[in-house]
Amino acid sequence: MIEPFANNHQSMQVGELIIENQEDKIIIYGDLDLYFNDLGYQQAKKLHELTTKIMQAFENVDENNKKTLSSKEKSDRSDDSIDNPFL
């Protein structure tokens, strides 16, 4: 189980659903079919535990403690324009 917003390197998988941890966001993508059986119950339980931890992280943070954007989305982009090599 990941620790929400704690670092930029944890991830977990539930079925085909991928959950990636960042210090400023949680990224969730993929598909998950929850069948009404034991496996579906275990997967739903994992999702419930994760979303509970995420909600606790939101509820336990104060305004002065919020992290600034430092994820890949911001740090990997450059503001420089480049010519399109395909033209």
PDB file of N, CA and C in Angstrom:
ATOM      1  N   MET A   1       0.845  -1.178   0.000  1.00  0.00           N
ATOM      2  CA  MET A   1       0.000   0.000   0.000  1.00  0.00           C
ATOM      3  C   MET A   1       0.893   1.246   0.000  1.00  0.00           C
ATOM      4  N   ILE A   2       0.550   2.195  -0.831  1.00  0.00           N
ATOM      5  CA  ILE A   2       1.332   3.423  -0.903  1.00  0.00           C
ATOM      6  C   ILE A   2       0.973   4.362   0.249  1.00  0.00           C
ATOM      7  N   GLU A   3       1.874   5.282   0.539  1.00  0.00           N
ATOM      8  CA  GLU A   3       1.612   6.369   1.478  1.00  0.00           C
ATOM      9  C   GLU A   3       1.302   7.606   0.639  1.00  0.00           C
ATOM     10  N   PRO A   4       0.043   8.003   0.519  1.00  0.00           N
ATOM     11  CA  PRO A   4      -0.334   9.094  -0.384  1.00  0.00           C
ATOM     12  C   PRO A   4       0.450  10.383  -0.139  1.00  0.00           C
ATOM     13  N   PHE A   5       0.940  10.954  -1.237  1.00  0.00           N
ATOM     14  CA  PHE A   5       1.640  12.238  -1.267  1.00  0.00           C
ATOM     15  C   PHE A   5       2.963  12.225  -0.502  1.00  0.00           C
ATOM     16  N   ALA A   6       3.505  11.058  -0.218  1.00  0.00           N
ATOM     17  CA  ALA A   6       4.717  10.968   0.595  1.00  0.00           C
ATOM     18  C   ALA A   6       5.992  11.017  -0.236  1.00  0.00           C
ATOM     19  N   ASN A   7       5.936  10.597  -1.498  1.00  0.00           N
ATOM     20  CA  ASN A   7       7.151  10.528  -2.311  1.00  0.00           C
ATOM     21  C   ASN A   7       6.773  10.434  -3.777  1.00  0.00           C
ATOM     22  N   ASN A   8       7.783  10.391  -4.620  1.00  0.00           N
ATOM     23  CA  ASN A   8       7.568  10.326  -6.064  1.00  0.00           C
ATOM     24  C   ASN A   8       7.947   8.976  -6.658  1.00  0.00           C
ATOM     25  N   HIS A   9       7.979   7.925  -5.863  1.00  0.00           N
ATOM     26  CA  HIS A   9       8.437   6.658  -6.429  1.00  0.00           C
ATOM     27  C   HIS A   9       7.559   5.451  -6.117  1.00  0.00           C
ATOM     28  N   GLN A  10       6.519   5.577  -5.333  1.00  0.00           N
ATOM     29  CA  GLN A  10       5.680   4.429  -5.028  1.00  0.00           C
ATOM     30  C   GLN A  10       4.577   4.268  -6.057  1.00  0.00           C
ATOM     31  N   SER A  11       4.217   3.021  -6.304  1.00  0.00           N
ATOM     32  CA  SER A  11       3.051   2.735  -7.132  1.00  0.00           C
ATOM     33  C   SER A  11       2.457   1.413  -6.663  1.00  0.00           C
ATOM     34  N   MET A  12       1.225   1.178  -7.071  1.00  0.00           N
ATOM     35  CA  MET A  12       0.579  -0.083  -6.761  1.00  0.00           C
ATOM     36  C   MET A  12      -0.390  -0.403  -7.878  1.00  0.00           C
ATOM     37  N   GLN A  13      -0.832  -1.641  -7.918  1.00  0.00           N
ATOM     38  CA  GLN A  13      -1.739  -2.079  -8.956  1.00  0.00           C
ATOM     39  C   GLN A  13      -2.857  -2.892  -8.331  1.00  0.00           C
ATOM     40  N   VAL A  14      -4.084  -2.613  -8.784  1.00  0.00           N
ATOM     41  CA  VAL A  14      -5.251  -3.391  -8.400  1.00  0.00           C
ATOM     42  C   VAL A  14      -5.904  -3.818  -9.703  1.00  0.00           C
ATOM     43  N   GLY A  15      -5.864  -5.106 -10.014  1.00  0.00           N
ATOM     44  CA  GLY A  15      -6.318  -5.550 -11.326  1.00  0.00           C
ATOM     45  C   GLY A  15      -5.445  -4.897 -12.379  1.00  0.00           C
ATOM     46  N   GLU A  16      -6.067  -4.239 -13.335  1.00  0.00           N
ATOM     47  CA  GLU A  16      -5.321  -3.492 -14.355  1.00  0.00           C
ATOM     48  C   GLU A  16      -5.294  -1.993 -14.044  1.00  0.00           C
ATOM     49  N   LEU A  17      -5.709  -1.625 -12.848  1.00  0.00           N
ATOM     50  CA  LEU A  17      -5.712  -0.227 -12.415  1.00  0.00           C
ATOM     51  C   LEU A  17      -4.372   0.098 -11.778  1.00  0.00           C
ATOM     52  N   ILE A  18      -3.711   1.129 -12.278  1.00  0.00           N
ATOM     53  CA  ILE A  18      -2.407   1.547 -11.785  1.00  0.00           C
ATOM     54  C   ILE A  18      -2.579   2.823 -10.961  1.00  0.00           C
ATOM     55  N   ILE A  19      -1.961   2.845  -9.783  1.00  0.00           N
ATOM     56  CA  ILE A  19      -1.988   4.016  -8.919  1.00  0.00           C
ATOM     57  C   ILE A  19      -0.547   4.445  -8.684  1.00  0.00           C
ATOM     58  N   GLU A  20      -0.202   5.659  -9.112  1.00  0.00           N
ATOM     59  CA  GLU A  20       1.149   6.186  -8.942  1.00  0.00           C
ATOM     60  C   GLU A  20       1.135   7.315  -7.924  1.00  0.00           C
ATOM     61  N   ASN A  21       2.095   7.293  -7.044  1.00  0.00           N
ATOM     62  CA  ASN A  21       2.206   8.281  -5.987  1.00  0.00           C
ATOM     63  C   ASN A  21       3.127   9.409  -6.420  1.00  0.00           C
ATOM     64  N   GLN A  22       2.732  10.632  -6.154  1.00  0.00           N
ATOM     65  CA  GLN A  22       3.571  11.810  -6.332  1.00  0.00           C
ATOM     66  C   GLN A  22       3.443  12.623  -5.056  1.00  0.00           C
ATOM     67  N   GLU A  23       4.343  13.548  -4.840  1.00  0.00           N
ATOM     68  CA  GLU A  23       4.255  14.381  -3.648  1.00  0.00           C
ATOM     69  C   GLU A  23       3.098  15.365  -3.717  1.00  0.00           C
ATOM     70  N   ASP A  24       2.656  15.704  -4.932  1.00  0.00           N
ATOM     71  CA  ASP A  24       1.587  16.688  -5.067  1.00  0.00           C
ATOM     72  C   ASP A  24       0.325  16.138  -5.712  1.00  0.00           C
ATOM     73  N   LYS A  25       0.322  14.857  -6.083  1.00  0.00           N
ATOM     74  CA  LYS A  25      -0.870  14.281  -6.695  1.00  0.00           C
ATOM     75  C   LYS A  25      -0.783  12.757  -6.688  1.00  0.00           C
ATOM     76  N   ILE A  26      -1.929  12.139  -6.883  1.00  0.00           N
ATOM     77  CA  ILE A  26      -2.032  10.692  -7.059  1.00  0.00           C
ATOM     78  C   ILE A  26      -2.562  10.491  -8.474  1.00  0.00           C
ATOM     79  N   ILE A  27      -1.896   9.653  -9.264  1.00  0.00           N
ATOM     80  CA  ILE A  27      -2.290   9.395 -10.644  1.00  0.00           C
ATOM     81  C   ILE A  27      -2.908   8.004 -10.696  1.00  0.00           C
ATOM     82  N   ILE A  28      -4.143   7.915 -11.225  1.00  0.00           N
ATOM     83  CA  ILE A  28      -4.844   6.636 -11.319  1.00  0.00           C
ATOM     84  C   ILE A  28      -5.264   6.446 -12.768  1.00  0.00           C
ATOM     85  N   TYR A  29      -4.878   5.306 -13.350  1.00  0.00           N
ATOM     86  CA  TYR A  29      -5.279   5.024 -14.725  1.00  0.00           C
ATOM     87  C   TYR A  29      -5.387   3.516 -14.941  1.00  0.00           C
ATOM     88  N   GLY A  30      -6.087   3.145 -15.983  1.00  0.00           N
ATOM     89  CA  GLY A  30      -6.270   1.732 -16.306  1.00  0.00           C
ATOM     90  C   GLY A  30      -7.718   1.315 -16.142  1.00  0.00           C
ATOM     91  N   ASP A  31      -7.931   0.020 -16.106  1.00  0.00           N
ATOM     92  CA  ASP A  31      -9.268  -0.556 -15.999  1.00  0.00           C
ATOM     93  C   ASP A  31      -9.334  -1.517 -14.828  1.00  0.00           C
ATOM     94  N   LEU A  32     -10.502  -1.610 -14.259  1.00  0.00           N
ATOM     95  CA  LEU A  32     -10.724  -2.574 -13.197  1.00  0.00           C
ATOM     96  C   LEU A  32     -12.144  -3.091 -13.302  1.00  0.00           C
ATOM     97  N   ASP A  33     -12.289  -4.385 -13.456  1.00  0.00           N
ATOM     98  CA  ASP A  33     -13.595  -5.027 -13.431  1.00  0.00           C
ATOM     99  C   ASP A  33     -13.760  -5.663 -12.062  1.00  0.00           C
ATOM    100  N   LEU A  34     -14.701  -5.158 -11.282  1.00  0.00           N
ATOM    101  CA  LEU A  34     -14.963  -5.718  -9.967  1.00  0.00           C
ATOM    102  C   LEU A  34     -16.086  -6.754 -10.097  1.00  0.00           C
ATOM    103  N   TYR A  35     -15.706  -8.007 -10.065  1.00  0.00           N
ATOM    104  CA  TYR A  35     -16.687  -9.081 -10.129  1.00  0.00           C
ATOM    105  C   TYR A  35     -17.210  -9.377  -8.739  1.00  0.00           C
ATOM    106  N   PHE A  36     -18.420  -9.878  -8.669  1.00  0.00           N
ATOM    107  CA  PHE A  36     -19.069 -10.185  -7.403  1.00  0.00           C
ATOM    108  C   PHE A  36     -18.605 -11.561  -6.926  1.00  0.00           C
ATOM    109  N   ASN A  37     -17.308 -11.618  -6.567  1.00  0.00           N
ATOM    110  CA  ASN A  37     -16.709 -12.853  -6.064  1.00  0.00           C
ATOM    111  C   ASN A  37     -15.610 -12.486  -5.073  1.00  0.00           C
ATOM    112  N   ASP A  38     -14.845 -13.473  -4.620  1.00  0.00           N
ATOM    113  CA  ASP A  38     -13.807 -13.223  -3.622  1.00  0.00           C
ATOM    114  C   ASP A  38     -12.728 -12.268  -4.124  1.00  0.00           C
ATOM    115  N   LEU A  39     -12.292 -12.441  -5.381  1.00  0.00           N
ATOM    116  CA  LEU A  39     -11.272 -11.552  -5.930  1.00  0.00           C
ATOM    117  C   LEU A  39     -11.794 -10.122  -6.022  1.00  0.00           C
ATOM    118  N   GLY A  40     -13.026  -9.949  -6.482  1.00  0.00           N
ATOM    119  CA  GLY A  40     -13.625  -8.627  -6.564  1.00  0.00           C
ATOM    120  C   GLY A  40     -13.714  -7.973  -5.195  1.00  0.00           C
ATOM    121  N   TYR A  41     -14.051  -8.785  -4.182  1.00  0.00           N
ATOM    122  CA  TYR A  41     -14.118  -8.265  -2.808  1.00  0.00           C
ATOM    123  C   TYR A  41     -12.745  -7.791  -2.351  1.00  0.00           C
ATOM    124  N   GLN A  42     -11.703  -8.566  -2.597  1.00  0.00           N
ATOM    125  CA  GLN A  42     -10.345  -8.181  -2.188  1.00  0.00           C
ATOM    126  C   GLN A  42      -9.894  -6.915  -2.907  1.00  0.00           C
ATOM    127  N   GLN A  43     -10.208  -6.803  -4.198  1.00  0.00           N
ATOM    128  CA  GLN A  43      -9.838  -5.603  -4.950  1.00  0.00           C
ATOM    129  C   GLN A  43     -10.594  -4.376  -4.439  1.00  0.00           C
ATOM    130  N   ALA A  44     -11.889  -4.531  -4.159  1.00  0.00           N
ATOM    131  CA  ALA A  44     -12.675  -3.415  -3.627  1.00  0.00           C
ATOM    132  C   ALA A  44     -12.149  -3.000  -2.259  1.00  0.00           C
ATOM    133  N   LYS A  45     -11.738  -3.969  -1.465  1.00  0.00           N
ATOM    134  CA  LYS A  45     -11.195  -3.676  -0.141  1.00  0.00           C
ATOM    135  C   LYS A  45      -9.901  -2.870  -0.248  1.00  0.00           C
ATOM    136  N   LYS A  46      -9.011  -3.237  -1.206  1.00  0.00           N
ATOM    137  CA  LYS A  46      -7.769  -2.479  -1.428  1.00  0.00           C
ATOM    138  C   LYS A  46      -8.071  -1.040  -1.842  1.00  0.00           C
ATOM    139  N   LEU A  47      -9.030  -0.873  -2.759  1.00  0.00           N
ATOM    140  CA  LEU A  47      -9.397   0.475  -3.195  1.00  0.00           C
ATOM    141  C   LEU A  47      -9.962   1.291  -2.035  1.00  0.00           C
ATOM    142  N   HIS A  48     -10.763   0.661  -1.218  1.00  0.00           N
ATOM    143  CA  HIS A  48     -11.341   1.348  -0.060  1.00  0.00           C
ATOM    144  C   HIS A  48     -10.239   1.788   0.909  1.00  0.00           C
ATOM    145  N   GLU A  49      -9.287   0.911   1.181  1.00  0.00           N
ATOM    146  CA  GLU A  49      -8.176   1.258   2.070  1.00  0.00           C
ATOM    147  C   GLU A  49      -7.359   2.413   1.493  1.00  0.00           C
ATOM    148  N   LEU A  50      -7.107   2.363   0.187  1.00  0.00           N
ATOM    149  CA  LEU A  50      -6.336   3.425  -0.453  1.00  0.00           C
ATOM    150  C   LEU A  50      -7.073   4.761  -0.396  1.00  0.00           C
ATOM    151  N   THR A  51      -8.353   4.766  -0.775  1.00  0.00           N
ATOM    152  CA  THR A  51      -9.085   6.031  -0.781  1.00  0.00           C
ATOM    153  C   THR A  51      -9.255   6.577   0.637  1.00  0.00           C
ATOM    154  N   THR A  52      -9.338   5.698   1.621  1.00  0.00           N
ATOM    155  CA  THR A  52      -9.396   6.154   3.012  1.00  0.00           C
ATOM    156  C   THR A  52      -8.096   6.852   3.392  1.00  0.00           C
ATOM    157  N   LYS A  53      -6.954   6.273   2.996  1.00  0.00           N
ATOM    158  CA  LYS A  53      -5.659   6.898   3.288  1.00  0.00           C
ATOM    159  C   LYS A  53      -5.503   8.232   2.565  1.00  0.00           C
ATOM    160  N   ILE A  54      -5.996   8.306   1.330  1.00  0.00           N
ATOM    161  CA  ILE A  54      -5.923   9.559   0.572  1.00  0.00           C
ATOM    162  C   ILE A  54      -6.765  10.631   1.262  1.00  0.00           C
ATOM    163  N   MET A  55      -7.973  10.278   1.680  1.00  0.00           N
ATOM    164  CA  MET A  55      -8.835  11.242   2.366  1.00  0.00           C
ATOM    165  C   MET A  55      -8.219  11.689   3.689  1.00  0.00           C
ATOM    166  N   GLN A  56      -7.591  10.783   4.410  1.00  0.00           N
ATOM    167  CA  GLN A  56      -6.933  11.148   5.667  1.00  0.00           C
ATOM    168  C   GLN A  56      -5.793  12.134   5.415  1.00  0.00           C
ATOM    169  N   ALA A  57      -5.057  11.936   4.315  1.00  0.00           N
ATOM    170  CA  ALA A  57      -3.968  12.859   3.982  1.00  0.00           C
ATOM    171  C   ALA A  57      -4.519  14.257   3.722  1.00  0.00           C
ATOM    172  N   PHE A  58      -5.641  14.348   3.001  1.00  0.00           N
ATOM    173  CA  PHE A  58      -6.261  15.656   2.756  1.00  0.00           C
ATOM    174  C   PHE A  58      -6.744  16.291   4.056  1.00  0.00           C
ATOM    175  N   GLU A  59      -7.337  15.502   4.913  1.00  0.00           N
ATOM    176  CA  GLU A  59      -7.908  16.035   6.151  1.00  0.00           C
ATOM    177  C   GLU A  59      -6.848  16.428   7.172  1.00  0.00           C
ATOM    178  N   ASN A  60      -5.673  15.814   7.111  1.00  0.00           N
ATOM    179  CA  ASN A  60      -4.634  16.064   8.104  1.00  0.00           C
ATOM    180  C   ASN A  60      -3.651  17.157   7.715  1.00  0.00           C
ATOM    181  N   VAL A  61      -3.787  17.738   6.543  1.00  0.00           N
ATOM    182  CA  VAL A  61      -2.848  18.760   6.111  1.00  0.00           C
ATOM    183  C   VAL A  61      -3.395  20.147   6.477  1.00  0.00           C
ATOM    184  N   ASP A  62      -2.507  21.021   6.918  1.00  0.00           N
ATOM    185  CA  ASP A  62      -2.933  22.400   7.147  1.00  0.00           C
ATOM    186  C   ASP A  62      -2.486  23.251   5.958  1.00  0.00           C
ATOM    187  N   GLU A  63      -3.033  24.419   5.832  1.00  0.00           N
ATOM    188  CA  GLU A  63      -2.767  25.288   4.675  1.00  0.00           C
ATOM    189  C   GLU A  63      -1.283  25.635   4.523  1.00  0.00           C
ATOM    190  N   ASN A  64      -0.554  25.771   5.609  1.00  0.00           N
ATOM    191  CA  ASN A  64       0.861  26.123   5.538  1.00  0.00           C
ATOM    192  C   ASN A  64       1.746  24.943   5.160  1.00  0.00           C
ATOM    193  N   ASN A  65       1.203  23.765   5.203  1.00  0.00           N
ATOM    194  CA  ASN A  65       1.977  22.556   4.979  1.00  0.00           C
ATOM    195  C   ASN A  65       1.797  21.981   3.577  1.00  0.00           C
ATOM    196  N   LYS A  66       0.927  22.566   2.755  1.00  0.00           N
ATOM    197  CA  LYS A  66       0.679  22.025   1.422  1.00  0.00           C
ATOM    198  C   LYS A  66       1.931  22.130   0.567  1.00  0.00           C
ATOM    199  N   LYS A  67       2.188  21.084  -0.186  1.00  0.00           N
ATOM    200  CA  LYS A  67       3.389  21.027  -1.024  1.00  0.00           C
ATOM    201  C   LYS A  67       3.154  21.773  -2.329  1.00  0.00           C
ATOM    202  N   THR A  68       4.198  22.384  -2.826  1.00  0.00           N
ATOM    203  CA  THR A  68       4.101  23.061  -4.110  1.00  0.00           C
ATOM    204  C   THR A  68       4.271  22.038  -5.220  1.00  0.00           C
ATOM    205  N   LEU A  69       3.856  22.399  -6.408  1.00  0.00           N
ATOM    206  CA  LEU A  69       3.956  21.483  -7.542  1.00  0.00           C
ATOM    207  C   LEU A  69       5.411  21.122  -7.806  1.00  0.00           C
ATOM    208  N   SER A  70       5.693  19.827  -7.777  1.00  0.00           N
ATOM    209  CA  SER A  70       7.052  19.381  -8.057  1.00  0.00           C
ATOM    210  C   SER A  70       7.032  18.080  -8.837  1.00  0.00           C
ATOM    211  N   SER A  71       5.901  17.732  -9.383  1.00  0.00           N
ATOM    212  CA  SER A  71       5.767  16.455 -10.070  1.00  0.00           C
ATOM    213  C   SER A  71       6.436  16.488 -11.438  1.00  0.00           C
ATOM    214  N   LYS A  72       6.431  15.328 -12.088  1.00  0.00           N
ATOM    215  CA  LYS A  72       7.027  15.197 -13.410  1.00  0.00           C
ATOM    216  C   LYS A  72       6.397  16.168 -14.405  1.00  0.00           C
ATOM    217  N   GLU A  73       5.106  16.395 -14.287  1.00  0.00           N
ATOM    218  CA  GLU A  73       4.407  17.262 -15.229  1.00  0.00           C
ATOM    219  C   GLU A  73       5.054  18.633 -15.284  1.00  0.00           C
ATOM    220  N   LYS A  74       5.448  19.171 -14.156  1.00  0.00           N
ATOM    221  CA  LYS A  74       6.046  20.504 -14.139  1.00  0.00           C
ATOM    222  C   LYS A  74       7.543  20.452 -14.409  1.00  0.00           C
ATOM    223  N   SER A  75       8.259  19.513 -13.801  1.00  0.00           N
ATOM    224  CA  SER A  75       9.713  19.547 -13.861  1.00  0.00           C
ATOM    225  C   SER A  75      10.293  19.028 -15.181  1.00  0.00           C
ATOM    226  N   ASP A  76       9.552  18.238 -15.942  1.00  0.00           N
ATOM    227  CA  ASP A  76      10.080  17.700 -17.192  1.00  0.00           C
ATOM    228  C   ASP A  76       9.877  18.634 -18.380  1.00  0.00           C
ATOM    229  N   ARG A  77       9.076  19.634 -18.232  1.00  0.00           N
ATOM    230  CA  ARG A  77       8.768  20.508 -19.362  1.00  0.00           C
ATOM    231  C   ARG A  77       9.696  21.706 -19.396  1.00  0.00           C
ATOM    232  N   SER A  78      10.097  22.048 -20.597  1.00  0.00           N
ATOM    233  CA  SER A  78      10.887  23.268 -20.727  1.00  0.00           C
ATOM    234  C   SER A  78       9.999  24.323 -21.376  1.00  0.00           C
ATOM    235  N   ASP A  79      10.258  25.557 -21.084  1.00  0.00           N
ATOM    236  CA  ASP A  79       9.467  26.647 -21.647  1.00  0.00           C
ATOM    237  C   ASP A  79       9.996  27.088 -23.002  1.00  0.00           C
ATOM    238  N   ASP A  80      11.061  26.457 -23.476  1.00  0.00           N
ATOM    239  CA  ASP A  80      11.651  26.824 -24.748  1.00  0.00           C
ATOM    240  C   ASP A  80      10.839  26.246 -25.909  1.00  0.00           C
ATOM    241  N   SER A  81      10.661  27.031 -26.947  1.00  0.00           N
ATOM    242  CA  SER A  81      10.016  26.550 -28.161  1.00  0.00           C
ATOM    243  C   SER A  81      11.071  25.954 -29.072  1.00  0.00           C
ATOM    244  N   ILE A  82      10.715  24.883 -29.733  1.00  0.00           N
ATOM    245  CA  ILE A  82      11.636  24.277 -30.697  1.00  0.00           C
ATOM    246  C   ILE A  82      10.943  24.166 -32.032  1.00  0.00           C
ATOM    247  N   ASP A  83      11.727  24.165 -33.122  1.00  0.00           N
ATOM    248  CA  ASP A  83      11.176  24.003 -34.445  1.00  0.00           C
ATOM    249  C   ASP A  83      10.703  22.578 -34.645  1.00  0.00           C
ATOM    250  N   ASN A  84       9.620  22.430 -35.398  1.00  0.00           N
ATOM    251  CA  ASN A  84       9.097  21.119 -35.712  1.00  0.00           C
ATOM    252  C   ASN A  84      10.010  20.460 -36.758  1.00  0.00           C
ATOM    253  N   PRO A  85      10.665  19.350 -36.422  1.00  0.00           N
ATOM    254  CA  PRO A  85      11.602  18.715 -37.361  1.00  0.00           C
ATOM    255  C   PRO A  85      10.902  18.032 -38.537  1.00  0.00           C
ATOM    256  N   PHE A  86       9.585  17.903 -38.501  1.00  0.00           N
ATOM    257  CA  PHE A  86       8.852  17.202 -39.558  1.00  0.00           C
ATOM    258  C   PHE A  86       8.321  18.130 -40.614  1.00  0.00           C
ATOM    259  N   LEU A  87       8.571  19.422 -40.481  1.00  0.00           N
ATOM    260  CA  LEU A  87       8.106  20.376 -41.493  1.00  0.00           C
ATOM    261  C   LEU A  87       9.170  20.644 -42.511  1.00  0.00           C
TER     262      LEU A  87
END
